[in-house]
Amino acid sequence: MRSKNEPSGQKRSFIEEVRREQIIAAAIETIAAVGFPRASLARIAATAGVSKGVISYHFAGKDELVDQVVTTVYTDIADTILPGILEQETATDILRAHVTGVAEYALAHPDRLRTVTEIFVHARGADGTPRYGVVAAEPLYESLEGLYREGQRNGELRVFDPRVMAVTQQAGIDAMFGYWLAHPDTDLLAHARELADLFVRAIRPD
């Protein structure tokens, strides 16, 4: 996503990219520390050690910065867990790798998980509706549906509505993280393994 203040089609310099990454990292740190509502551009600028004007030069506003934070975190999650998922051969093993993989990522990067959770809960569009929500989760649903349909085609999985299962699985993962953030002493990996077992039992023919 490119700031409205940048000329269309202009390639950013290495220094500009580094500065944007610095601001994104500061936004993650600030939102994780004080929550989304209190994470003003001025606070984020102070965390980054730059002026608010520097942020405005690179991002059109808080919404654009937040969008880039979410994109950065989700891209990093995908890049981190995808190799482990690709090693799996069955739909059920892929499901387990997905659920436990995101839990392992959260344990390694708790500030990132807290930040996107804050954004999803509090960020609102101009009309007051959630900026992120069910509509924003569509790519996740479609990906899970593809996995389920392939497992159904090869006979590994029972017949069920892939969309219902995709929504249920993602909701279970979101709830797992919400519970963990509220109760940080929870064994997140144990929770993830149990959750994966529940989903596997729900989709297998037996």
Protein backbone atom coordinates (compact mmCIF):
# COMPACT_ATOMS: atom_id res chain seq x y z
CA MET A 1 0.00 0.00 0.00
CA ARG A 2 1.49 3.35 -1.02
CA SER A 3 1.04 6.68 0.75
CA LYS A 4 -1.10 9.24 -1.03
CA ASN A 5 1.82 11.62 -0.54
CA GLU A 6 4.04 9.58 -2.86
CA PRO A 7 4.01 10.11 -6.64
CA SER A 8 2.19 7.28 -8.38
CA GLY A 9 4.56 4.65 -9.75
CA GLN A 10 7.62 6.11 -8.03
CA LYS A 11 9.91 3.43 -6.63
CA ARG A 12 10.93 3.92 -3.02
CA SER A 13 14.61 4.15 -2.16
CA PHE A 14 16.30 1.73 0.20
CA ILE A 15 16.37 4.42 2.90
CA GLU A 16 12.64 5.04 2.48
CA GLU A 17 11.89 1.34 2.80
CA VAL A 18 14.00 1.13 5.96
CA ARG A 19 12.20 4.14 7.42
CA ARG A 20 8.80 2.62 6.67
CA GLU A 21 9.84 -0.63 8.33
CA GLN A 22 11.03 1.37 11.35
CA ILE A 23 7.66 3.11 11.61
CA ILE A 24 5.73 -0.14 11.21
CA ALA A 25 7.83 -1.74 13.96
CA ALA A 26 7.17 1.29 16.19
CA ALA A 27 3.44 1.03 15.50
CA ILE A 28 3.46 -2.64 16.52
CA GLU A 29 5.38 -1.85 19.71
CA THR A 30 3.13 1.08 20.60
CA ILE A 31 -0.20 -0.63 19.95
CA ALA A 32 0.93 -3.70 21.90
CA ALA A 33 1.95 -1.49 24.83
CA VAL A 34 -0.91 1.02 25.11
CA GLY A 35 -3.71 -0.44 22.97
CA PHE A 36 -5.07 0.68 19.64
CA PRO A 37 -7.26 3.60 20.81
CA ARG A 38 -4.33 5.27 22.62
CA ALA A 39 -1.76 4.59 19.90
CA SER A 40 -1.81 7.99 18.25
CA LEU A 41 0.58 8.90 15.45
CA ALA A 42 2.36 11.15 17.94
CA ARG A 43 2.96 8.19 20.28
CA ILE A 44 4.11 6.01 17.42
CA ALA A 45 6.46 8.76 16.24
CA ALA A 46 7.93 9.04 19.74
CA THR A 47 8.50 5.28 19.85
CA ALA A 48 10.20 5.42 16.45
CA GLY A 49 12.29 8.42 17.45
CA VAL A 50 11.02 10.53 14.56
CA SER A 51 8.65 13.45 14.14
CA LYS A 52 4.97 12.95 13.37
CA GLY A 53 5.68 14.65 10.04
CA VAL A 54 8.01 11.81 9.06
CA ILE A 55 5.16 9.34 9.50
CA SER A 56 2.88 11.59 7.45
CA TYR A 57 5.47 11.64 4.68
CA HIS A 58 5.49 7.84 4.41
CA PHE A 59 1.85 7.05 5.26
CA ALA A 60 -1.32 8.95 4.39
CA GLY A 61 -2.65 8.50 7.92
CA LYS A 62 -3.21 6.04 10.76
CA ASP A 63 -5.52 3.85 8.67
CA GLU A 64 -2.88 3.31 6.00
CA LEU A 65 -0.23 2.61 8.61
CA VAL A 66 -2.52 0.13 10.37
CA ASP A 67 -3.28 -1.62 7.07
CA GLN A 68 0.45 -2.02 6.50
CA VAL A 69 0.96 -3.35 10.03
CA VAL A 70 -1.68 -6.05 9.44
CA THR A 71 -0.20 -6.92 6.03
CA THR A 72 3.30 -7.12 7.51
CA VAL A 73 2.26 -9.39 10.37
CA TYR A 74 0.14 -11.73 8.27
CA THR A 75 2.82 -11.97 5.60
CA ASP A 76 5.38 -12.87 8.26
CA ILE A 77 3.05 -15.49 9.76
CA ALA A 78 2.55 -17.08 6.34
CA ASP A 79 6.27 -17.03 5.54
CA THR A 80 7.05 -18.60 8.92
CA ILE A 81 4.53 -21.43 9.03
CA LEU A 82 4.22 -22.26 5.33
CA PRO A 83 7.38 -24.43 5.13
CA GLY A 84 6.08 -26.68 7.90
CA ILE A 85 2.68 -26.93 6.24
CA LEU A 86 4.20 -27.84 2.87
CA GLU A 87 6.01 -30.77 4.50
CA GLN A 88 2.67 -32.42 5.30
CA GLU A 89 1.02 -34.91 2.95
CA THR A 90 -2.53 -35.26 4.30
CA ALA A 91 -5.29 -32.74 4.94
CA THR A 92 -5.44 -33.60 8.64
CA ASP A 93 -1.69 -33.19 9.06
CA ILE A 94 -1.87 -29.84 7.25
CA LEU A 95 -4.65 -28.76 9.59
CA ARG A 96 -2.58 -29.71 12.64
CA ALA A 97 0.47 -27.92 11.25
CA HIS A 98 -1.59 -24.80 10.62
CA VAL A 99 -3.14 -24.60 14.10
CA THR A 100 0.05 -25.40 15.99
CA GLY A 101 2.15 -23.29 13.64
CA VAL A 102 0.23 -20.08 14.33
CA ALA A 103 0.41 -20.83 18.06
CA GLU A 104 4.18 -21.23 17.87
CA TYR A 105 4.41 -17.95 15.97
CA ALA A 106 2.34 -16.18 18.64
CA LEU A 107 4.62 -17.49 21.38
CA ALA A 108 7.65 -16.20 19.50
CA HIS A 109 6.02 -12.83 18.66
CA PRO A 110 3.46 -12.00 21.38
CA ASP A 111 3.57 -8.26 20.66
CA ARG A 112 2.58 -8.86 17.04
CA LEU A 113 -0.31 -11.08 18.06
CA ARG A 114 -1.51 -8.55 20.65
CA THR A 115 -1.23 -5.74 18.10
CA VAL A 116 -3.35 -7.36 15.38
CA THR A 117 -5.90 -8.41 18.00
CA GLU A 118 -6.14 -4.79 19.20
CA ILE A 119 -6.56 -3.63 15.62
CA PHE A 120 -9.25 -6.18 14.80
CA VAL A 121 -11.23 -5.30 17.93
CA HIS A 122 -10.99 -1.52 17.82
CA ALA A 123 -10.26 -0.30 14.27
CA ARG A 124 -13.33 1.21 12.60
CA GLY A 125 -14.01 2.55 9.14
CA ALA A 126 -15.47 5.98 8.39
CA ASP A 127 -19.01 4.57 8.78
CA GLY A 128 -18.22 3.07 12.18
CA THR A 129 -18.16 -0.57 11.05
CA PRO A 130 -15.17 -2.79 11.93
CA ARG A 131 -12.27 -2.16 9.58
CA TYR A 132 -11.37 -5.85 9.83
CA GLY A 133 -13.76 -8.71 10.39
CA VAL A 134 -15.56 -11.49 8.56
CA VAL A 135 -15.16 -9.84 5.16
CA ALA A 136 -11.42 -9.33 5.71
CA ALA A 137 -11.09 -13.02 6.65
CA GLU A 138 -12.35 -14.18 3.25
CA PRO A 139 -8.89 -15.22 1.94
CA LEU A 140 -8.40 -17.39 5.05
CA TYR A 141 -11.79 -19.04 4.55
CA GLU A 142 -11.08 -19.71 0.89
CA SER A 143 -7.70 -21.26 1.69
CA LEU A 144 -9.19 -23.59 4.29
CA GLU A 145 -12.06 -24.48 1.96
CA GLY A 146 -9.55 -25.53 -0.69
CA LEU A 147 -7.84 -27.83 1.80
CA TYR A 148 -11.13 -29.42 2.87
CA ARG A 149 -12.38 -29.92 -0.69
CA GLU A 150 -9.17 -31.65 -1.72
CA GLY A 151 -9.43 -33.96 1.28
CA GLN A 152 -13.04 -34.74 0.39
CA ARG A 153 -12.14 -35.47 -3.23
CA ASN A 154 -9.49 -38.03 -2.26
CA GLY A 155 -11.72 -39.65 0.36
CA GLU A 156 -9.66 -38.62 3.36
CA LEU A 157 -12.38 -36.38 4.78
CA ARG A 158 -16.10 -36.92 5.31
CA VAL A 159 -18.80 -34.93 3.54
CA PHE A 160 -19.48 -31.57 5.21
CA ASP A 161 -19.91 -27.92 4.27
CA PRO A 162 -16.35 -26.58 3.79
CA ARG A 163 -17.40 -22.97 4.39
CA VAL A 164 -19.03 -23.76 7.74
CA MET A 165 -15.94 -25.69 8.83
CA ALA A 166 -13.59 -22.94 7.63
CA VAL A 167 -15.47 -20.26 9.58
CA THR A 168 -15.58 -22.52 12.65
CA GLN A 169 -11.87 -23.34 12.50
CA GLN A 170 -10.80 -19.71 12.15
CA ALA A 171 -13.17 -18.66 14.93
CA GLY A 172 -11.66 -21.35 17.16
CA ILE A 173 -8.15 -20.06 16.47
CA ASP A 174 -9.19 -16.45 17.12
CA ALA A 175 -10.85 -17.47 20.40
CA MET A 176 -7.75 -19.43 21.41
CA PHE A 177 -5.60 -16.33 21.01
CA GLY A 178 -8.13 -14.12 22.78
CA TYR A 179 -8.17 -16.48 25.75
CA TRP A 180 -4.38 -16.68 25.83
CA LEU A 181 -3.99 -12.89 25.80
CA ALA A 182 -6.45 -12.64 28.70
CA HIS A 183 -4.82 -15.57 30.53
CA PRO A 184 -1.10 -15.49 29.60
CA ASP A 185 -0.29 -18.42 31.91
CA THR A 186 -2.29 -20.70 29.61
CA ASP A 187 -0.26 -23.39 27.83
CA LEU A 188 -0.92 -22.09 24.32
CA LEU A 189 0.66 -25.03 22.52
CA ALA A 190 -1.36 -27.53 24.56
CA HIS A 191 -4.49 -25.54 23.72
CA ALA A 192 -3.54 -25.56 20.03
CA ARG A 193 -2.95 -29.31 19.97
CA GLU A 194 -6.30 -29.96 21.66
CA LEU A 195 -8.03 -27.61 19.25
CA ALA A 196 -6.42 -29.34 16.27
CA ASP A 197 -7.58 -32.71 17.62
CA LEU A 198 -11.15 -31.41 17.83
CA PHE A 199 -11.08 -30.23 14.22
CA VAL A 200 -9.51 -33.47 12.96
CA ARG A 201 -12.20 -35.52 14.73
CA ALA A 202 -14.84 -33.29 13.13
CA ILE A 203 -13.65 -33.78 9.56
CA ARG A 204 -12.52 -37.42 9.42
CA PRO A 205 -14.93 -40.09 8.17
CA ASP A 206 -14.74 -41.96 11.48
